[in-house]
PDB file of N, CA and C in Angstrom:
ATOM      1  N   MET A   1      -6.039 -23.334   2.906  1.00  0.00           N
ATOM      2  CA  MET A   1      -5.288 -23.438   4.137  1.00  0.00           C
ATOM      3  C   MET A   1      -6.262 -23.556   5.292  1.00  0.00           C
ATOM      4  N   ALA A   2      -5.838 -24.174   6.359  1.00  0.00           N
ATOM      5  CA  ALA A   2      -6.707 -24.462   7.496  1.00  0.00           C
ATOM      6  C   ALA A   2      -6.996 -23.237   8.354  1.00  0.00           C
ATOM      7  N   ALA A   3      -6.262 -22.156   8.142  1.00  0.00           N
ATOM      8  CA  ALA A   3      -6.489 -20.890   8.839  1.00  0.00           C
ATOM      9  C   ALA A   3      -6.592 -21.052  10.344  1.00  0.00           C
ATOM     10  N   GLY A   4      -5.704 -21.871  10.916  1.00  0.00           N
ATOM     11  CA  GLY A   4      -5.681 -22.043  12.358  1.00  0.00           C
ATOM     12  C   GLY A   4      -6.694 -23.015  12.913  1.00  0.00           C
ATOM     13  N   ARG A   5      -7.535 -23.594  12.077  1.00  0.00           N
ATOM     14  CA  ARG A   5      -8.559 -24.522  12.559  1.00  0.00           C
ATOM     15  C   ARG A   5      -8.023 -25.931  12.729  1.00  0.00           C
ATOM     16  N   LEU A   6      -6.950 -26.263  12.034  1.00  0.00           N
ATOM     17  CA  LEU A   6      -6.344 -27.590  12.095  1.00  0.00           C
ATOM     18  C   LEU A   6      -4.843 -27.447  12.313  1.00  0.00           C
ATOM     19  N   THR A   7      -4.265 -28.426  12.965  1.00  0.00           N
ATOM     20  CA  THR A   7      -2.813 -28.489  13.058  1.00  0.00           C
ATOM     21  C   THR A   7      -2.337 -29.415  11.954  1.00  0.00           C
ATOM     22  N   LEU A   8      -1.607 -28.863  11.006  1.00  0.00           N
ATOM     23  CA  LEU A   8      -1.105 -29.656   9.892  1.00  0.00           C
ATOM     24  C   LEU A   8       0.286 -30.183  10.222  1.00  0.00           C
ATOM     25  N   ILE A   9       0.536 -31.429   9.862  1.00  0.00           N
ATOM     26  CA  ILE A   9       1.828 -32.059  10.094  1.00  0.00           C
ATOM     27  C   ILE A   9       2.439 -32.404   8.744  1.00  0.00           C
ATOM     28  N   GLY A  10       3.616 -31.856   8.481  1.00  0.00           N
ATOM     29  CA  GLY A  10       4.328 -32.168   7.248  1.00  0.00           C
ATOM     30  C   GLY A  10       5.093 -33.466   7.427  1.00  0.00           C
ATOM     31  N   ALA A  11       4.816 -34.439   6.591  1.00  0.00           N
ATOM     32  CA  ALA A  11       5.470 -35.744   6.715  1.00  0.00           C
ATOM     33  C   ALA A  11       5.821 -36.267   5.334  1.00  0.00           C
ATOM     34  N   GLY A  12       6.849 -37.082   5.286  1.00  0.00           N
ATOM     35  CA  GLY A  12       7.225 -37.730   4.039  1.00  0.00           C
ATOM     36  C   GLY A  12       8.367 -37.046   3.339  1.00  0.00           C
ATOM     37  N   GLY A  13       9.499 -37.705   3.289  1.00  0.00           N
ATOM     38  CA  GLY A  13      10.622 -37.232   2.502  1.00  0.00           C
ATOM     39  C   GLY A  13      11.407 -36.076   3.078  1.00  0.00           C
ATOM     40  N   VAL A  14      11.299 -35.824   4.355  1.00  0.00           N
ATOM     41  CA  VAL A  14      12.071 -34.737   4.954  1.00  0.00           C
ATOM     42  C   VAL A  14      13.491 -35.247   5.208  1.00  0.00           C
ATOM     43  N   MET A  15      14.396 -34.841   4.336  1.00  0.00           N
ATOM     44  CA  MET A  15      15.788 -35.298   4.401  1.00  0.00           C
ATOM     45  C   MET A  15      16.753 -34.162   4.716  1.00  0.00           C
ATOM     46  N   SER A  16      16.212 -32.939   4.854  1.00  0.00           N
ATOM     47  CA  SER A  16      17.080 -31.779   5.079  1.00  0.00           C
ATOM     48  C   SER A  16      16.286 -30.649   5.729  1.00  0.00           C
ATOM     49  N   GLY A  17      17.023 -29.649   6.152  1.00  0.00           N
ATOM     50  CA  GLY A  17      16.380 -28.459   6.681  1.00  0.00           C
ATOM     51  C   GLY A  17      15.540 -27.752   5.635  1.00  0.00           C
ATOM     52  N   ALA A  18      15.994 -27.782   4.392  1.00  0.00           N
ATOM     53  CA  ALA A  18      15.228 -27.153   3.309  1.00  0.00           C
ATOM     54  C   ALA A  18      13.886 -27.846   3.129  1.00  0.00           C
ATOM     55  N   ASP A  19      13.874 -29.165   3.253  1.00  0.00           N
ATOM     56  CA  ASP A  19      12.611 -29.910   3.151  1.00  0.00           C
ATOM     57  C   ASP A  19      11.669 -29.522   4.287  1.00  0.00           C
ATOM     58  N   ALA A  20      12.212 -29.416   5.491  1.00  0.00           N
ATOM     59  CA  ALA A  20      11.395 -29.037   6.649  1.00  0.00           C
ATOM     60  C   ALA A  20      10.851 -27.623   6.466  1.00  0.00           C
ATOM     61  N   TRP A  21      11.702 -26.699   6.009  1.00  0.00           N
ATOM     62  CA  TRP A  21      11.278 -25.315   5.792  1.00  0.00           C
ATOM     63  C   TRP A  21      10.157 -25.247   4.753  1.00  0.00           C
ATOM     64  N   ALA A  22      10.266 -26.020   3.697  1.00  0.00           N
ATOM     65  CA  ALA A  22       9.232 -26.031   2.658  1.00  0.00           C
ATOM     66  C   ALA A  22       7.891 -26.484   3.229  1.00  0.00           C
ATOM     67  N   LYS A  23       7.906 -27.476   4.082  1.00  0.00           N
ATOM     68  CA  LYS A  23       6.656 -27.960   4.677  1.00  0.00           C
ATOM     69  C   LYS A  23       6.081 -26.928   5.641  1.00  0.00           C
ATOM     70  N   ILE A  24       6.953 -26.282   6.416  1.00  0.00           N
ATOM     71  CA  ILE A  24       6.504 -25.261   7.367  1.00  0.00           C
ATOM     72  C   ILE A  24       5.883 -24.085   6.626  1.00  0.00           C
ATOM     73  N   THR A  25       6.562 -23.580   5.617  1.00  0.00           N
ATOM     74  CA  THR A  25       6.028 -22.419   4.901  1.00  0.00           C
ATOM     75  C   THR A  25       4.803 -22.762   4.060  1.00  0.00           C
ATOM     76  N   ALA A  26       4.600 -24.051   3.793  1.00  0.00           N
ATOM     77  CA  ALA A  26       3.382 -24.483   3.096  1.00  0.00           C
ATOM     78  C   ALA A  26       2.204 -24.630   4.059  1.00  0.00           C
ATOM     79  N   GLY A  27       2.466 -24.592   5.372  1.00  0.00           N
ATOM     80  CA  GLY A  27       1.369 -24.642   6.334  1.00  0.00           C
ATOM     81  C   GLY A  27       1.517 -25.627   7.471  1.00  0.00           C
ATOM     82  N   ALA A  28       2.583 -26.409   7.479  1.00  0.00           N
ATOM     83  CA  ALA A  28       2.760 -27.400   8.549  1.00  0.00           C
ATOM     84  C   ALA A  28       3.233 -26.732   9.837  1.00  0.00           C
ATOM     85  N   ALA A  29       2.521 -27.003  10.921  1.00  0.00           N
ATOM     86  CA  ALA A  29       2.930 -26.513  12.237  1.00  0.00           C
ATOM     87  C   ALA A  29       3.911 -27.481  12.889  1.00  0.00           C
ATOM     88  N   LEU A  30       3.897 -28.714  12.434  1.00  0.00           N
ATOM     89  CA  LEU A  30       4.802 -29.760  12.917  1.00  0.00           C
ATOM     90  C   LEU A  30       5.391 -30.468  11.709  1.00  0.00           C
ATOM     91  N   VAL A  31       6.612 -30.977  11.864  1.00  0.00           N
ATOM     92  CA  VAL A  31       7.263 -31.698  10.774  1.00  0.00           C
ATOM     93  C   VAL A  31       7.796 -33.021  11.306  1.00  0.00           C
ATOM     94  N   GLN A  32       7.425 -34.091  10.635  1.00  0.00           N
ATOM     95  CA  GLN A  32       7.915 -35.423  10.986  1.00  0.00           C
ATOM     96  C   GLN A  32       9.179 -35.690  10.171  1.00  0.00           C
ATOM     97  N   VAL A  33      10.227 -36.170  10.851  1.00  0.00           N
ATOM     98  CA  VAL A  33      11.493 -36.399  10.156  1.00  0.00           C
ATOM     99  C   VAL A  33      11.916 -37.869  10.203  1.00  0.00           C
ATOM    100  N   TYR A  34      10.982 -38.762  10.315  1.00  0.00           N
ATOM    101  CA  TYR A  34      11.300 -40.178  10.487  1.00  0.00           C
ATOM    102  C   TYR A  34      12.153 -40.730   9.343  1.00  0.00           C
ATOM    103  N   THR A  35      11.748 -40.514   8.117  1.00  0.00           N
ATOM    104  CA  THR A  35      12.488 -41.056   6.976  1.00  0.00           C
ATOM    105  C   THR A  35      13.918 -40.527   6.958  1.00  0.00           C
ATOM    106  N   GLY A  36      14.059 -39.231   7.100  1.00  0.00           N
ATOM    107  CA  GLY A  36      15.390 -38.640   7.123  1.00  0.00           C
ATOM    108  C   GLY A  36      16.227 -39.148   8.274  1.00  0.00           C
ATOM    109  N   PHE A  37      15.592 -39.344   9.417  1.00  0.00           N
ATOM    110  CA  PHE A  37      16.300 -39.849  10.593  1.00  0.00           C
ATOM    111  C   PHE A  37      16.809 -41.265  10.344  1.00  0.00           C
ATOM    112  N   VAL A  38      16.007 -42.073   9.678  1.00  0.00           N
ATOM    113  CA  VAL A  38      16.419 -43.445   9.364  1.00  0.00           C
ATOM    114  C   VAL A  38      17.641 -43.443   8.449  1.00  0.00           C
ATOM    115  N   TYR A  39      17.628 -42.591   7.428  1.00  0.00           N
ATOM    116  CA  TYR A  39      18.708 -42.596   6.447  1.00  0.00           C
ATOM    117  C   TYR A  39      19.917 -41.751   6.845  1.00  0.00           C
ATOM    118  N   ARG A  40      19.692 -40.668   7.572  1.00  0.00           N
ATOM    119  CA  ARG A  40      20.799 -39.763   7.899  1.00  0.00           C
ATOM    120  C   ARG A  40      21.230 -39.839   9.354  1.00  0.00           C
ATOM    121  N   GLY A  41      20.399 -40.431  10.192  1.00  0.00           N
ATOM    122  CA  GLY A  41      20.756 -40.570  11.599  1.00  0.00           C
ATOM    123  C   GLY A  41      20.545 -39.284  12.391  1.00  0.00           C
ATOM    124  N   PRO A  42      21.029 -39.267  13.622  1.00  0.00           N
ATOM    125  CA  PRO A  42      20.792 -38.143  14.528  1.00  0.00           C
ATOM    126  C   PRO A  42      21.323 -36.804  14.029  1.00  0.00           C
ATOM    127  N   ARG A  43      22.338 -36.809  13.153  1.00  0.00           N
ATOM    128  CA  ARG A  43      22.862 -35.522  12.672  1.00  0.00           C
ATOM    129  C   ARG A  43      21.813 -34.739  11.879  1.00  0.00           C
ATOM    130  N   LEU A  44      20.797 -35.424  11.376  1.00  0.00           N
ATOM    131  CA  LEU A  44      19.728 -34.729  10.652  1.00  0.00           C
ATOM    132  C   LEU A  44      19.088 -33.658  11.526  1.00  0.00           C
ATOM    133  N   ILE A  45      18.887 -33.965  12.798  1.00  0.00           N
ATOM    134  CA  ILE A  45      18.210 -33.019  13.689  1.00  0.00           C
ATOM    135  C   ILE A  45      18.999 -31.714  13.777  1.00  0.00           C
ATOM    136  N   ALA A  46      20.303 -31.805  14.004  1.00  0.00           N
ATOM    137  CA  ALA A  46      21.138 -30.604  14.084  1.00  0.00           C
ATOM    138  C   ALA A  46      21.122 -29.841  12.762  1.00  0.00           C
ATOM    139  N   ASP A  47      21.167 -30.559  11.643  1.00  0.00           N
ATOM    140  CA  ASP A  47      21.132 -29.917  10.328  1.00  0.00           C
ATOM    141  C   ASP A  47      19.814 -29.171  10.108  1.00  0.00           C
ATOM    142  N   VAL A  48      18.712 -29.801  10.478  1.00  0.00           N
ATOM    143  CA  VAL A  48      17.397 -29.170  10.320  1.00  0.00           C
ATOM    144  C   VAL A  48      17.310 -27.926  11.196  1.00  0.00           C
ATOM    145  N   LEU A  49      17.694 -28.050  12.450  1.00  0.00           N
ATOM    146  CA  LEU A  49      17.626 -26.899  13.357  1.00  0.00           C
ATOM    147  C   LEU A  49      18.501 -25.751  12.864  1.00  0.00           C
ATOM    148  N   ARG A  50      19.700 -26.057  12.410  1.00  0.00           N
ATOM    149  CA  ARG A  50      20.600 -25.022  11.898  1.00  0.00           C
ATOM    150  C   ARG A  50      19.967 -24.305  10.707  1.00  0.00           C
ATOM    151  N   HIS A  51      19.402 -25.065   9.802  1.00  0.00           N
ATOM    152  CA  HIS A  51      18.777 -24.470   8.613  1.00  0.00           C
ATOM    153  C   HIS A  51      17.578 -23.595   9.000  1.00  0.00           C
ATOM    154  N   LEU A  52      16.772 -24.077   9.927  1.00  0.00           N
ATOM    155  CA  LEU A  52      15.598 -23.302  10.334  1.00  0.00           C
ATOM    156  C   LEU A  52      16.006 -21.987  10.990  1.00  0.00           C
ATOM    157  N   VAL A  53      17.033 -22.017  11.827  1.00  0.00           N
ATOM    158  CA  VAL A  53      17.522 -20.782  12.450  1.00  0.00           C
ATOM    159  C   VAL A  53      18.023 -19.818  11.379  1.00  0.00           C
ATOM    160  N   GLU A  54      18.778 -20.322  10.410  1.00  0.00           N
ATOM    161  CA  GLU A  54      19.275 -19.478   9.315  1.00  0.00           C
ATOM    162  C   GLU A  54      18.127 -18.855   8.527  1.00  0.00           C
ATOM    163  N   LYS A  55      17.106 -19.644   8.223  1.00  0.00           N
ATOM    164  CA  LYS A  55      15.962 -19.129   7.454  1.00  0.00           C
ATOM    165  C   LYS A  55      15.189 -18.082   8.246  1.00  0.00           C
ATOM    166  N   LEU A  56      15.018 -18.314   9.543  1.00  0.00           N
ATOM    167  CA  LEU A  56      14.326 -17.330  10.375  1.00  0.00           C
ATOM    168  C   LEU A  56      15.081 -16.005  10.358  1.00  0.00           C
ATOM    169  N   GLN A  57      16.395 -16.052  10.484  1.00  0.00           N
ATOM    170  CA  GLN A  57      17.200 -14.829  10.444  1.00  0.00           C
ATOM    171  C   GLN A  57      17.119 -14.170   9.071  1.00  0.00           C
ATOM    172  N   GLU A  58      17.220 -14.965   8.023  1.00  0.00           N
ATOM    173  CA  GLU A  58      17.156 -14.452   6.649  1.00  0.00           C
ATOM    174  C   GLU A  58      15.820 -13.767   6.372  1.00  0.00           C
ATOM    175  N   GLU A  59      14.747 -14.357   6.866  1.00  0.00           N
ATOM    176  CA  GLU A  59      13.401 -13.820   6.638  1.00  0.00           C
ATOM    177  C   GLU A  59      12.993 -12.783   7.692  1.00  0.00           C
ATOM    178  N   GLU A  60      13.896 -12.538   8.658  1.00  0.00           N
ATOM    179  CA  GLU A  60      13.652 -11.589   9.751  1.00  0.00           C
ATOM    180  C   GLU A  60      12.400 -11.946  10.543  1.00  0.00           C
ATOM    181  N   LEU A  61      12.287 -13.227  10.875  1.00  0.00           N
ATOM    182  CA  LEU A  61      11.177 -13.730  11.678  1.00  0.00           C
ATOM    183  C   LEU A  61      11.705 -14.094  13.055  1.00  0.00           C
ATOM    184  N   SER A  62      10.905 -13.846  14.090  1.00  0.00           N
ATOM    185  CA  SER A  62      11.371 -14.128  15.448  1.00  0.00           C
ATOM    186  C   SER A  62      10.969 -15.514  15.939  1.00  0.00           C
ATOM    187  N   THR A  63       9.967 -16.122  15.321  1.00  0.00           N
ATOM    188  CA  THR A  63       9.530 -17.457  15.741  1.00  0.00           C
ATOM    189  C   THR A  63       9.200 -18.308  14.521  1.00  0.00           C
ATOM    190  N   ILE A  64       9.247 -19.601  14.718  1.00  0.00           N
ATOM    191  CA  ILE A  64       8.889 -20.521  13.638  1.00  0.00           C
ATOM    192  C   ILE A  64       7.397 -20.393  13.315  1.00  0.00           C
ATOM    193  N   ASP A  65       6.595 -20.061  14.321  1.00  0.00           N
ATOM    194  CA  ASP A  65       5.154 -19.876  14.090  1.00  0.00           C
ATOM    195  C   ASP A  65       4.890 -18.814  13.025  1.00  0.00           C
ATOM    196  N   ALA A  66       5.743 -17.798  12.975  1.00  0.00           N
ATOM    197  CA  ALA A  66       5.563 -16.733  11.986  1.00  0.00           C
ATOM    198  C   ALA A  66       5.790 -17.233  10.564  1.00  0.00           C
ATOM    199  N   ALA A  67       6.514 -18.329  10.412  1.00  0.00           N
ATOM    200  CA  ALA A  67       6.795 -18.882   9.084  1.00  0.00           C
ATOM    201  C   ALA A  67       5.718 -19.843   8.607  1.00  0.00           C
ATOM    202  N   VAL A  68       4.936 -20.384   9.530  1.00  0.00           N
ATOM    203  CA  VAL A  68       3.939 -21.400   9.173  1.00  0.00           C
ATOM    204  C   VAL A  68       2.929 -20.821   8.184  1.00  0.00           C
ATOM    205  N   GLY A  69       2.867 -21.423   7.018  1.00  0.00           N
ATOM    206  CA  GLY A  69       1.881 -21.025   6.017  1.00  0.00           C
ATOM    207  C   GLY A  69       2.231 -19.810   5.192  1.00  0.00           C
ATOM    208  N   ARG A  70       3.417 -19.272   5.327  1.00  0.00           N
ATOM    209  CA  ARG A  70       3.772 -18.056   4.578  1.00  0.00           C
ATOM    210  C   ARG A  70       3.640 -18.232   3.076  1.00  0.00           C
ATOM    211  N   ASP A  71       4.138 -19.318   2.536  1.00  0.00           N
ATOM    212  CA  ASP A  71       4.036 -19.537   1.089  1.00  0.00           C
ATOM    213  C   ASP A  71       2.601 -19.818   0.674  1.00  0.00           C
ATOM    214  N   ALA A  72       1.863 -20.524   1.499  1.00  0.00           N
ATOM    215  CA  ALA A  72       0.461 -20.809   1.186  1.00  0.00           C
ATOM    216  C   ALA A  72      -0.336 -19.515   1.135  1.00  0.00           C
ATOM    217  N   GLU A  73      -0.053 -18.599   2.062  1.00  0.00           N
ATOM    218  CA  GLU A  73      -0.754 -17.318   2.071  1.00  0.00           C
ATOM    219  C   GLU A  73      -0.396 -16.501   0.841  1.00  0.00           C
ATOM    220  N   ARG A  74       0.879 -16.499   0.473  1.00  0.00           N
ATOM    221  CA  ARG A  74       1.302 -15.759  -0.730  1.00  0.00           C
ATOM    222  C   ARG A  74       0.649 -16.333  -1.977  1.00  0.00           C
ATOM    223  N   ASN A  75       0.645 -17.655  -2.104  1.00  0.00           N
ATOM    224  CA  ASN A  75       0.029 -18.302  -3.262  1.00  0.00           C
ATOM    225  C   ASN A  75      -1.465 -18.052  -3.297  1.00  0.00           C
ATOM    226  N   HIS A  76      -2.112 -18.078  -2.144  1.00  0.00           N
ATOM    227  CA  HIS A  76      -3.552 -17.838  -2.065  1.00  0.00           C
ATOM    228  C   HIS A  76      -3.862 -16.406  -2.493  1.00  0.00           C
ATOM    229  N   THR A  77      -3.051 -15.454  -2.047  1.00  0.00           N
ATOM    230  CA  THR A  77      -3.259 -14.054  -2.406  1.00  0.00           C
ATOM    231  C   THR A  77      -3.119 -13.861  -3.909  1.00  0.00           C
ATOM    232  N   HIS A  78      -2.094 -14.450  -4.507  1.00  0.00           N
ATOM    233  CA  HIS A  78      -1.885 -14.294  -5.948  1.00  0.00           C
ATOM    234  C   HIS A  78      -2.989 -14.967  -6.759  1.00  0.00           C
ATOM    235  N   SER A  79      -3.486 -16.102  -6.305  1.00  0.00           N
ATOM    236  CA  SER A  79      -4.510 -16.811  -7.071  1.00  0.00           C
ATOM    237  C   SER A  79      -5.880 -16.165  -6.942  1.00  0.00           C
ATOM    238  N   ASN A  80      -6.046 -15.274  -5.978  1.00  0.00           N
ATOM    239  CA  ASN A  80      -7.323 -14.586  -5.798  1.00  0.00           C
ATOM    240  C   ASN A  80      -7.266 -13.149  -6.302  1.00  0.00           C
ATOM    241  N   GLY A  81      -6.334 -12.870  -7.159  1.00  0.00           N
ATOM    242  CA  GLY A  81      -6.250 -11.528  -7.712  1.00  0.00           C
ATOM    243  C   GLY A  81      -5.841 -10.482  -6.699  1.00  0.00           C
ATOM    244  N   GLY A  82      -5.106 -10.888  -5.673  1.00  0.00           N
ATOM    245  CA  GLY A  82      -4.587  -9.921  -4.725  1.00  0.00           C
ATOM    246  C   GLY A  82      -5.378  -9.774  -3.452  1.00  0.00           C
ATOM    247  N   SER A  83      -6.471 -10.494  -3.299  1.00  0.00           N
ATOM    248  CA  SER A  83      -7.229 -10.370  -2.054  1.00  0.00           C
ATOM    249  C   SER A  83      -7.573 -11.741  -1.514  1.00  0.00           C
ATOM    250  N   GLN A  84      -7.634 -11.818  -0.200  1.00  0.00           N
ATOM    251  CA  GLN A  84      -8.031 -13.064   0.430  1.00  0.00           C
ATOM    252  C   GLN A  84      -9.491 -12.985   0.820  1.00  0.00           C
ATOM    253  N   PRO A  85     -10.184 -14.127   0.800  1.00  0.00           N
ATOM    254  CA  PRO A  85     -11.602 -14.087   1.170  1.00  0.00           C
ATOM    255  C   PRO A  85     -11.792 -13.750   2.626  1.00  0.00           C
TER     256      PRO A  85
END
């Protein structure tokens, strides 16, 4: 993970809020929704925002920044035997 040194942008195949959430929790600080917008139109934006708000509430997070990289950090911790370098 870039550990704050790079701004990662999740792009490609974002067709839903779940897709956007997966990219965010994998480390993306920004998510491009061009493909989804082309196929689903403007309603995609409302769907993505609704899903992100629901996930933030479910995970008890106050900002989207708190979600960035959460899964990457968990995976990194497990692959290093419980400790991060």
